[in-house]
Amino acid sequence: MKNTFLYILVPLALVSCKHKEPIAVQQIASNEMVTILPNLKNPQIKDSIPISIPTEFKIMVNSSNLIDLDVFYLLDGKRLLDDFIDYQVYNKKNKRKPIHTLKPYLSSDKPINIIIKERNHLISKKDANELLKKYDINLSLNNLKFGDTIKLTTYNKFRIDNKQLINGFNKISDSIIFVVWSKGGKTIYKKKINW
């Protein structure tokens, strides 16, 4: 009887002593729209066009000691600039206004769901025109100007329909960096994006 009690008590003690990370991050297959945008960043490139593929993450805050939480995007090992240039981060509950820090959401017990809309993946105009045909969209890529967006389909469907394109994106080491500031210092988490 004593041995049985010890067999139960020791594993429970080990589990309760396990160190918990300040945050837990999970990528979610998003139902946000994949879009084609005008090539404003590199207008001299005539044979390619940007495609914006939304990534969604669920962040659980596991510590009350957090002071701030920032998000950075790495595309092929290079840090992108946030805001309107390279990518934007949105709270899933309010997709109209980009956010630049997750600090206001740290006090909630609920998970933080964010959507990141990146604007740096280029696809050939030939591939883009094939996507327009596939999703029965009668628009021209030649007339796109600032503010124009062509909505293709949801990311969930896009992933299934365009495996070859997605496999090409997965060959590059795109990552999201979460920088956690706590009373104990700074911790950096790198999460590879699974397109």
Protein backbone atom coordinates (compact mmCIF):
# COMPACT_ATOMS: atom_id res chain seq x y z
CA MET A 1 0.00 0.00 0.00
CA LYS A 2 2.86 2.38 0.89
CA ASN A 3 4.61 1.66 -2.42
CA THR A 4 1.43 2.30 -4.41
CA PHE A 5 1.04 5.64 -2.69
CA LEU A 6 4.65 6.57 -3.59
CA TYR A 7 4.14 5.52 -7.21
CA ILE A 8 1.25 7.97 -7.45
CA LEU A 9 2.79 10.80 -5.40
CA VAL A 10 6.22 11.00 -7.12
CA PRO A 11 4.91 11.50 -10.70
CA LEU A 12 2.42 14.10 -9.46
CA ALA A 13 5.22 15.99 -7.69
CA LEU A 14 7.37 15.93 -10.83
CA VAL A 15 4.55 17.25 -13.00
CA SER A 16 3.78 20.07 -10.57
CA CYS A 17 7.47 21.12 -10.52
CA LYS A 18 7.72 21.26 -14.31
CA HIS A 19 8.73 24.74 -15.54
CA LYS A 20 6.02 26.39 -17.59
CA GLU A 21 7.01 28.69 -20.46
CA PRO A 22 5.67 32.27 -20.19
CA ILE A 23 3.75 31.84 -23.47
CA ALA A 24 2.54 28.99 -25.63
CA VAL A 25 2.07 29.63 -29.37
CA GLN A 26 0.02 27.54 -31.77
CA GLN A 27 -0.37 28.20 -35.50
CA ILE A 28 -3.94 27.83 -36.76
CA ALA A 29 -5.05 27.21 -40.34
CA SER A 30 -6.82 30.50 -40.95
CA ASN A 31 -10.13 31.12 -42.69
CA GLU A 32 -8.96 34.63 -43.67
CA MET A 33 -8.75 35.58 -47.35
CA VAL A 34 -5.68 35.09 -49.54
CA THR A 35 -5.25 38.19 -51.67
CA ILE A 36 -3.28 39.52 -54.62
CA LEU A 37 -1.98 43.06 -54.27
CA PRO A 38 -0.34 45.65 -56.53
CA ASN A 39 3.46 45.54 -56.55
CA LEU A 40 4.03 48.91 -54.89
CA LYS A 41 7.25 47.97 -53.14
CA ASN A 42 9.07 46.92 -56.33
CA PRO A 43 7.16 48.40 -59.28
CA GLN A 44 10.10 47.71 -61.62
CA ILE A 45 9.41 43.96 -61.29
CA LYS A 46 7.00 43.31 -64.14
CA ASP A 47 6.79 39.50 -64.23
CA SER A 48 5.76 38.90 -60.58
CA ILE A 49 3.09 40.12 -58.22
CA PRO A 50 2.67 39.98 -54.40
CA ILE A 51 0.34 37.44 -52.86
CA SER A 52 -0.71 37.93 -49.25
CA ILE A 53 -1.26 34.73 -47.31
CA PRO A 54 -2.63 35.28 -43.79
CA THR A 55 -1.12 33.35 -40.90
CA GLU A 56 -3.01 32.97 -37.65
CA PHE A 57 -1.61 32.27 -34.21
CA LYS A 58 -3.19 31.50 -30.86
CA ILE A 59 -1.06 32.77 -27.96
CA MET A 60 -1.66 31.58 -24.41
CA VAL A 61 -0.13 33.72 -21.67
CA ASN A 62 1.09 31.41 -18.87
CA SER A 63 2.68 33.97 -16.56
CA SER A 64 1.46 37.04 -14.70
CA ASN A 65 5.02 38.46 -14.80
CA LEU A 66 4.86 39.53 -18.45
CA ILE A 67 5.48 43.21 -19.16
CA ASP A 68 5.30 43.24 -22.96
CA LEU A 69 5.04 40.92 -25.96
CA ASP A 70 6.22 41.88 -29.46
CA VAL A 71 5.98 40.07 -32.78
CA PHE A 72 8.55 40.15 -35.61
CA TYR A 73 8.43 38.46 -38.98
CA LEU A 74 11.42 36.78 -40.66
CA LEU A 75 11.15 36.01 -44.37
CA ASP A 76 14.02 33.90 -45.70
CA GLY A 77 16.10 34.89 -42.65
CA LYS A 78 15.55 38.66 -43.07
CA ARG A 79 13.52 40.71 -40.62
CA LEU A 80 10.61 42.46 -42.27
CA LEU A 81 9.35 45.92 -41.42
CA ASP A 82 5.90 46.01 -39.89
CA ASP A 83 3.08 48.44 -40.57
CA PHE A 84 2.01 48.86 -44.20
CA ILE A 85 5.34 48.06 -45.84
CA ASP A 86 5.95 44.34 -45.28
CA TYR A 87 3.29 42.96 -42.93
CA GLN A 88 0.56 43.88 -40.50
CA VAL A 89 -0.55 42.22 -37.26
CA TYR A 90 -4.23 42.23 -36.29
CA ASN A 91 -6.18 41.06 -33.30
CA LYS A 92 -8.64 38.55 -34.77
CA LYS A 93 -11.47 40.26 -32.89
CA ASN A 94 -10.73 43.61 -34.59
CA LYS A 95 -9.29 43.16 -38.08
CA ARG A 96 -9.74 46.79 -39.09
CA LYS A 97 -6.86 48.33 -37.17
CA PRO A 98 -3.30 46.89 -37.12
CA ILE A 99 -1.61 46.45 -33.75
CA HIS A 100 2.08 46.99 -33.01
CA THR A 101 2.35 45.37 -29.59
CA LEU A 102 0.40 42.73 -27.69
CA LYS A 103 0.93 44.47 -24.34
CA PRO A 104 -2.75 45.52 -23.95
CA TYR A 105 -3.85 41.87 -24.22
CA LEU A 106 -1.51 40.38 -21.59
CA SER A 107 -3.85 40.89 -18.63
CA SER A 108 -6.59 38.69 -20.09
CA ASP A 109 -6.95 35.03 -19.14
CA LYS A 110 -8.21 34.29 -22.65
CA PRO A 111 -5.91 33.35 -25.55
CA ILE A 112 -4.76 36.11 -27.86
CA ASN A 113 -5.61 35.30 -31.47
CA ILE A 114 -3.62 37.28 -34.03
CA ILE A 115 -3.62 37.35 -37.81
CA ILE A 116 -0.50 38.38 -39.69
CA LYS A 117 -0.89 39.59 -43.26
CA GLU A 118 2.47 39.52 -45.00
CA ARG A 119 3.02 41.28 -48.34
CA ASN A 120 6.42 40.01 -49.55
CA HIS A 121 5.76 36.68 -51.24
CA LEU A 122 5.92 37.09 -54.99
CA ILE A 123 4.40 34.73 -57.53
CA SER A 124 4.71 34.89 -61.28
CA LYS A 125 1.97 36.74 -63.14
CA LYS A 126 1.34 33.48 -65.00
CA ASP A 127 0.62 31.69 -61.70
CA ALA A 128 -1.48 34.65 -60.52
CA ASN A 129 -3.57 34.55 -63.70
CA GLU A 130 -4.09 30.80 -63.22
CA LEU A 131 -5.33 31.51 -59.68
CA LEU A 132 -7.77 34.10 -61.02
CA LYS A 133 -9.14 31.52 -63.48
CA LYS A 134 -9.28 28.81 -60.81
CA TYR A 135 -11.40 31.01 -58.51
CA ASP A 136 -13.49 32.44 -61.41
CA ILE A 137 -12.34 36.04 -60.91
CA ASN A 138 -12.65 38.32 -63.94
CA LEU A 139 -10.12 41.01 -63.05
CA SER A 140 -6.87 42.08 -64.67
CA LEU A 141 -3.52 42.11 -62.90
CA ASN A 142 -2.35 44.93 -65.18
CA ASN A 143 -4.65 47.59 -63.74
CA LEU A 144 -3.89 47.15 -60.04
CA LYS A 145 -3.12 50.38 -58.21
CA PHE A 146 -2.59 51.53 -54.62
CA GLY A 147 -5.43 50.28 -52.42
CA ASP A 148 -6.59 47.55 -54.82
CA THR A 149 -6.96 44.01 -53.52
CA ILE A 150 -8.08 40.88 -55.34
CA LYS A 151 -9.62 38.37 -52.93
CA LEU A 152 -8.99 34.78 -54.03
CA THR A 153 -10.34 32.40 -51.39
CA THR A 154 -9.86 31.49 -47.73
CA TYR A 155 -6.44 30.27 -46.66
CA ASN A 156 -7.89 26.90 -45.56
CA LYS A 157 -9.18 26.26 -49.08
CA PHE A 158 -6.13 27.81 -50.77
CA ARG A 159 -3.80 25.39 -48.94
CA ILE A 160 -5.74 22.40 -50.23
CA ASP A 161 -6.18 23.73 -53.78
CA ASN A 162 -2.59 24.90 -54.32
CA LYS A 163 -0.28 22.33 -52.72
CA GLN A 164 2.57 22.95 -55.17
CA LEU A 165 2.62 26.68 -54.41
CA ILE A 166 2.40 26.03 -50.65
CA ASN A 167 5.24 23.48 -50.85
CA GLY A 168 7.36 26.16 -52.53
CA PHE A 169 6.66 28.57 -49.65
CA ASN A 170 7.60 25.87 -47.10
CA LYS A 171 11.07 25.48 -48.65
CA ILE A 172 11.99 28.92 -47.28
CA SER A 173 12.54 29.34 -43.55
CA ASP A 174 9.85 31.92 -42.79
CA SER A 175 9.41 32.44 -39.06
CA ILE A 176 7.60 34.50 -36.49
CA ILE A 177 9.64 35.79 -33.56
CA PHE A 178 7.85 36.43 -30.27
CA VAL A 179 9.84 38.62 -27.87
CA VAL A 180 8.56 38.25 -24.32
CA TRP A 181 9.51 40.92 -21.80
CA SER A 182 9.01 39.87 -18.18
CA LYS A 183 10.25 40.93 -14.77
CA GLY A 184 13.00 38.34 -15.19
CA GLY A 185 14.27 39.73 -18.52
CA LYS A 186 13.74 39.02 -22.21
CA THR A 187 12.93 35.66 -23.80
CA ILE A 188 12.81 35.03 -27.54
CA TYR A 189 10.68 32.35 -29.17
CA LYS A 190 11.10 31.50 -32.84
CA LYS A 191 8.26 29.65 -34.54
CA LYS A 192 8.63 28.39 -38.11
CA ILE A 193 5.60 29.11 -40.24
CA ASN A 194 4.00 26.01 -41.69
CA TRP A 195 2.39 27.24 -44.87
